[in-house]
Amino acid sequence: MNRTRNLALLTLAAIGLAACGNSVGDRALSGAGLGAAGGTAFNVLTGGSLAGGAVVGGLAGAAAGALTDRNTIDLGKPIWR
């Protein structure tokens, strides 16, 4: 049950971070947050290392956010702006 609770919390965190922004920095930051949440959630389900999933997912998400532009993926204004 602890894994289910953790997955629910991670899902809520990902929804709260679901905004890309217009600048490369905003897109990389939101991508890192979403990637870290997704990587951790994946490892919760598969029994892998939570920290490892967060790091790998965060790096992949940051790269994806920085390498895309608003015309490719646009999830709106970041919650921190």
N, C-alpha and C. Protein backbone atom coordinates (compact mmCIF):
# COMPACT_ATOMS: atom_id res chain seq x y z
N MET A 1 0.81 -1.19 0.00
CA MET A 1 0.00 0.00 0.00
C MET A 1 0.85 1.26 0.00
N ASN A 2 2.02 1.17 0.56
CA ASN A 2 2.91 2.32 0.58
C ASN A 2 3.28 2.74 -0.84
N ARG A 3 3.48 1.78 -1.72
CA ARG A 3 3.80 2.09 -3.12
C ARG A 3 2.63 2.79 -3.81
N THR A 4 1.43 2.37 -3.52
CA THR A 4 0.25 2.99 -4.11
C THR A 4 0.13 4.44 -3.66
N ARG A 5 0.37 4.69 -2.40
CA ARG A 5 0.31 6.05 -1.87
C ARG A 5 1.39 6.91 -2.51
N ASN A 6 2.59 6.38 -2.63
CA ASN A 6 3.68 7.12 -3.26
C ASN A 6 3.37 7.43 -4.72
N LEU A 7 2.80 6.48 -5.42
CA LEU A 7 2.45 6.70 -6.83
C LEU A 7 1.38 7.78 -6.94
N ALA A 8 0.42 7.78 -6.05
CA ALA A 8 -0.62 8.81 -6.07
C ALA A 8 -0.02 10.19 -5.82
N LEU A 9 0.90 10.30 -4.87
CA LEU A 9 1.55 11.58 -4.60
C LEU A 9 2.38 12.06 -5.78
N LEU A 10 3.07 11.14 -6.42
CA LEU A 10 3.87 11.51 -7.59
C LEU A 10 3.00 11.96 -8.75
N THR A 11 1.87 11.32 -8.91
CA THR A 11 0.94 11.72 -9.97
C THR A 11 0.43 13.13 -9.73
N LEU A 12 0.07 13.44 -8.49
CA LEU A 12 -0.39 14.79 -8.17
C LEU A 12 0.72 15.82 -8.39
N ALA A 13 1.94 15.47 -8.05
CA ALA A 13 3.06 16.38 -8.27
C ALA A 13 3.28 16.62 -9.75
N ALA A 14 3.17 15.58 -10.56
CA ALA A 14 3.35 15.73 -12.01
C ALA A 14 2.27 16.62 -12.60
N ILE A 15 1.05 16.48 -12.13
CA ILE A 15 -0.03 17.33 -12.63
C ILE A 15 0.25 18.79 -12.27
N GLY A 16 0.76 19.03 -11.07
CA GLY A 16 1.09 20.40 -10.66
C GLY A 16 2.23 21.00 -11.46
N LEU A 17 3.10 20.17 -11.97
CA LEU A 17 4.24 20.65 -12.75
C LEU A 17 3.96 20.71 -14.25
N ALA A 18 2.79 20.31 -14.65
CA ALA A 18 2.49 20.17 -16.07
C ALA A 18 2.33 21.51 -16.78
N ALA A 19 3.42 22.19 -16.97
CA ALA A 19 3.44 23.42 -17.76
C ALA A 19 4.82 23.56 -18.35
N CYS A 20 4.90 23.95 -19.59
CA CYS A 20 6.21 24.02 -20.23
C CYS A 20 6.80 25.42 -20.25
N GLY A 21 6.03 26.42 -20.58
CA GLY A 21 6.57 27.77 -20.68
C GLY A 21 7.11 28.06 -22.05
N ASN A 22 7.66 29.25 -22.20
CA ASN A 22 8.16 29.69 -23.49
C ASN A 22 9.67 29.68 -23.59
N SER A 23 10.36 29.95 -22.50
CA SER A 23 11.83 30.02 -22.55
C SER A 23 12.44 28.62 -22.43
N VAL A 24 13.66 28.50 -22.88
CA VAL A 24 14.37 27.22 -22.79
C VAL A 24 14.51 26.80 -21.32
N GLY A 25 14.80 27.76 -20.46
CA GLY A 25 14.95 27.45 -19.03
C GLY A 25 13.67 26.93 -18.41
N ASP A 26 12.54 27.60 -18.70
CA ASP A 26 11.26 27.13 -18.17
C ASP A 26 10.91 25.75 -18.69
N ARG A 27 11.15 25.53 -19.96
CA ARG A 27 10.84 24.23 -20.55
C ARG A 27 11.73 23.13 -19.97
N ALA A 28 13.00 23.43 -19.77
CA ALA A 28 13.91 22.44 -19.19
C ALA A 28 13.52 22.14 -17.74
N LEU A 29 13.15 23.17 -16.98
CA LEU A 29 12.79 22.99 -15.58
C LEU A 29 11.51 22.17 -15.44
N SER A 30 10.49 22.51 -16.21
CA SER A 30 9.25 21.75 -16.11
C SER A 30 9.44 20.33 -16.65
N GLY A 31 10.24 20.19 -17.70
CA GLY A 31 10.53 18.85 -18.23
C GLY A 31 11.28 17.99 -17.21
N ALA A 32 12.20 18.62 -16.48
CA ALA A 32 12.94 17.87 -15.45
C ALA A 32 11.99 17.40 -14.35
N GLY A 33 11.08 18.26 -13.94
CA GLY A 33 10.12 17.87 -12.90
C GLY A 33 9.22 16.74 -13.34
N LEU A 34 8.69 16.87 -14.54
CA LEU A 34 7.82 15.81 -15.06
C LEU A 34 8.59 14.50 -15.27
N GLY A 35 9.82 14.62 -15.79
CA GLY A 35 10.63 13.43 -16.02
C GLY A 35 11.01 12.73 -14.73
N ALA A 36 11.35 13.51 -13.71
CA ALA A 36 11.70 12.92 -12.41
C ALA A 36 10.50 12.21 -11.80
N ALA A 37 9.34 12.84 -11.89
CA ALA A 37 8.13 12.20 -11.35
C ALA A 37 7.81 10.93 -12.13
N GLY A 38 7.92 11.00 -13.44
CA GLY A 38 7.64 9.82 -14.26
C GLY A 38 8.63 8.70 -14.03
N GLY A 39 9.91 9.04 -13.94
CA GLY A 39 10.93 8.02 -13.68
C GLY A 39 10.77 7.36 -12.33
N THR A 40 10.43 8.16 -11.34
CA THR A 40 10.20 7.60 -10.00
C THR A 40 8.97 6.71 -10.00
N ALA A 41 7.89 7.17 -10.64
CA ALA A 41 6.67 6.38 -10.70
C ALA A 41 6.92 5.05 -11.40
N PHE A 42 7.68 5.08 -12.48
CA PHE A 42 8.00 3.85 -13.20
C PHE A 42 8.74 2.88 -12.28
N ASN A 43 9.70 3.40 -11.53
CA ASN A 43 10.47 2.52 -10.66
C ASN A 43 9.68 2.06 -9.44
N VAL A 44 8.68 2.83 -9.02
CA VAL A 44 7.79 2.36 -7.97
C VAL A 44 7.05 1.11 -8.46
N LEU A 45 6.59 1.17 -9.70
CA LEU A 45 5.83 0.04 -10.25
C LEU A 45 6.70 -1.17 -10.55
N THR A 46 7.96 -0.94 -10.93
CA THR A 46 8.82 -2.06 -11.33
C THR A 46 9.75 -2.53 -10.22
N GLY A 47 9.78 -1.81 -9.10
CA GLY A 47 10.62 -2.22 -7.98
C GLY A 47 12.06 -1.76 -8.09
N GLY A 48 12.34 -0.80 -8.97
CA GLY A 48 13.70 -0.29 -9.13
C GLY A 48 14.04 0.78 -8.10
N SER A 49 15.19 1.37 -8.25
CA SER A 49 15.67 2.41 -7.36
C SER A 49 14.90 3.70 -7.60
N LEU A 50 14.30 4.25 -6.55
CA LEU A 50 13.53 5.48 -6.69
C LEU A 50 14.43 6.65 -7.06
N ALA A 51 15.57 6.75 -6.40
CA ALA A 51 16.49 7.86 -6.70
C ALA A 51 17.03 7.74 -8.12
N GLY A 52 17.36 6.55 -8.53
CA GLY A 52 17.86 6.33 -9.89
C GLY A 52 16.82 6.72 -10.93
N GLY A 53 15.57 6.34 -10.69
CA GLY A 53 14.49 6.70 -11.61
C GLY A 53 14.29 8.20 -11.69
N ALA A 54 14.38 8.87 -10.53
CA ALA A 54 14.21 10.32 -10.51
C ALA A 54 15.33 11.02 -11.27
N VAL A 55 16.56 10.55 -11.09
CA VAL A 55 17.70 11.19 -11.76
C VAL A 55 17.63 10.97 -13.27
N VAL A 56 17.43 9.75 -13.69
CA VAL A 56 17.38 9.45 -15.13
C VAL A 56 16.18 10.15 -15.77
N GLY A 57 15.02 10.06 -15.13
CA GLY A 57 13.84 10.72 -15.67
C GLY A 57 13.99 12.23 -15.71
N GLY A 58 14.59 12.80 -14.66
CA GLY A 58 14.81 14.24 -14.62
C GLY A 58 15.74 14.72 -15.71
N LEU A 59 16.81 13.99 -15.94
CA LEU A 59 17.75 14.36 -17.01
C LEU A 59 17.10 14.24 -18.38
N ALA A 60 16.36 13.17 -18.60
CA ALA A 60 15.69 13.00 -19.88
C ALA A 60 14.62 14.07 -20.09
N GLY A 61 13.88 14.38 -19.05
CA GLY A 61 12.85 15.41 -19.15
C GLY A 61 13.43 16.79 -19.39
N ALA A 62 14.53 17.10 -18.72
CA ALA A 62 15.18 18.40 -18.92
C ALA A 62 15.69 18.53 -20.35
N ALA A 63 16.27 17.46 -20.85
CA ALA A 63 16.76 17.49 -22.24
C ALA A 63 15.61 17.65 -23.21
N ALA A 64 14.53 16.91 -22.99
CA ALA A 64 13.37 17.02 -23.89
C ALA A 64 12.77 18.42 -23.84
N GLY A 65 12.67 19.00 -22.64
CA GLY A 65 12.13 20.35 -22.53
C GLY A 65 13.01 21.38 -23.19
N ALA A 66 14.31 21.24 -23.04
CA ALA A 66 15.24 22.22 -23.61
C ALA A 66 15.35 22.09 -25.13
N LEU A 67 15.16 20.88 -25.64
CA LEU A 67 15.33 20.64 -27.07
C LEU A 67 14.06 20.82 -27.89
N THR A 68 12.94 21.08 -27.23
CA THR A 68 11.70 21.33 -27.96
C THR A 68 11.35 22.80 -27.86
N ASP A 69 10.46 23.23 -28.73
CA ASP A 69 10.01 24.62 -28.63
C ASP A 69 8.50 24.65 -28.44
N ARG A 70 7.96 25.84 -28.25
CA ARG A 70 6.54 26.00 -27.96
C ARG A 70 5.67 25.46 -29.09
N ASN A 71 6.15 25.48 -30.30
CA ASN A 71 5.37 24.98 -31.42
C ASN A 71 5.31 23.45 -31.44
N THR A 72 6.27 22.80 -30.82
CA THR A 72 6.30 21.34 -30.78
C THR A 72 5.41 20.82 -29.66
N ILE A 73 5.64 21.31 -28.44
CA ILE A 73 4.86 20.91 -27.26
C ILE A 73 4.55 22.18 -26.49
N ASP A 74 3.28 22.43 -26.23
CA ASP A 74 2.89 23.62 -25.47
C ASP A 74 1.84 23.23 -24.44
N LEU A 75 2.26 23.13 -23.20
CA LEU A 75 1.34 22.79 -22.12
C LEU A 75 0.92 24.01 -21.32
N GLY A 76 1.25 25.20 -21.80
CA GLY A 76 0.78 26.41 -21.14
C GLY A 76 1.85 27.10 -20.31
N LYS A 77 1.38 28.04 -19.53
CA LYS A 77 2.25 28.85 -18.68
C LYS A 77 2.64 28.07 -17.44
N PRO A 78 3.94 28.11 -17.04
CA PRO A 78 4.37 27.39 -15.84
C PRO A 78 3.70 27.94 -14.58
N ILE A 79 3.50 27.10 -13.59
CA ILE A 79 2.84 27.54 -12.37
C ILE A 79 3.68 28.52 -11.57
N TRP A 80 4.98 28.58 -11.81
CA TRP A 80 5.84 29.50 -11.07
C TRP A 80 5.92 30.87 -11.71
N ARG A 81 5.23 31.13 -12.80
CA ARG A 81 5.23 32.45 -13.46
C ARG A 81 3.92 33.13 -13.27
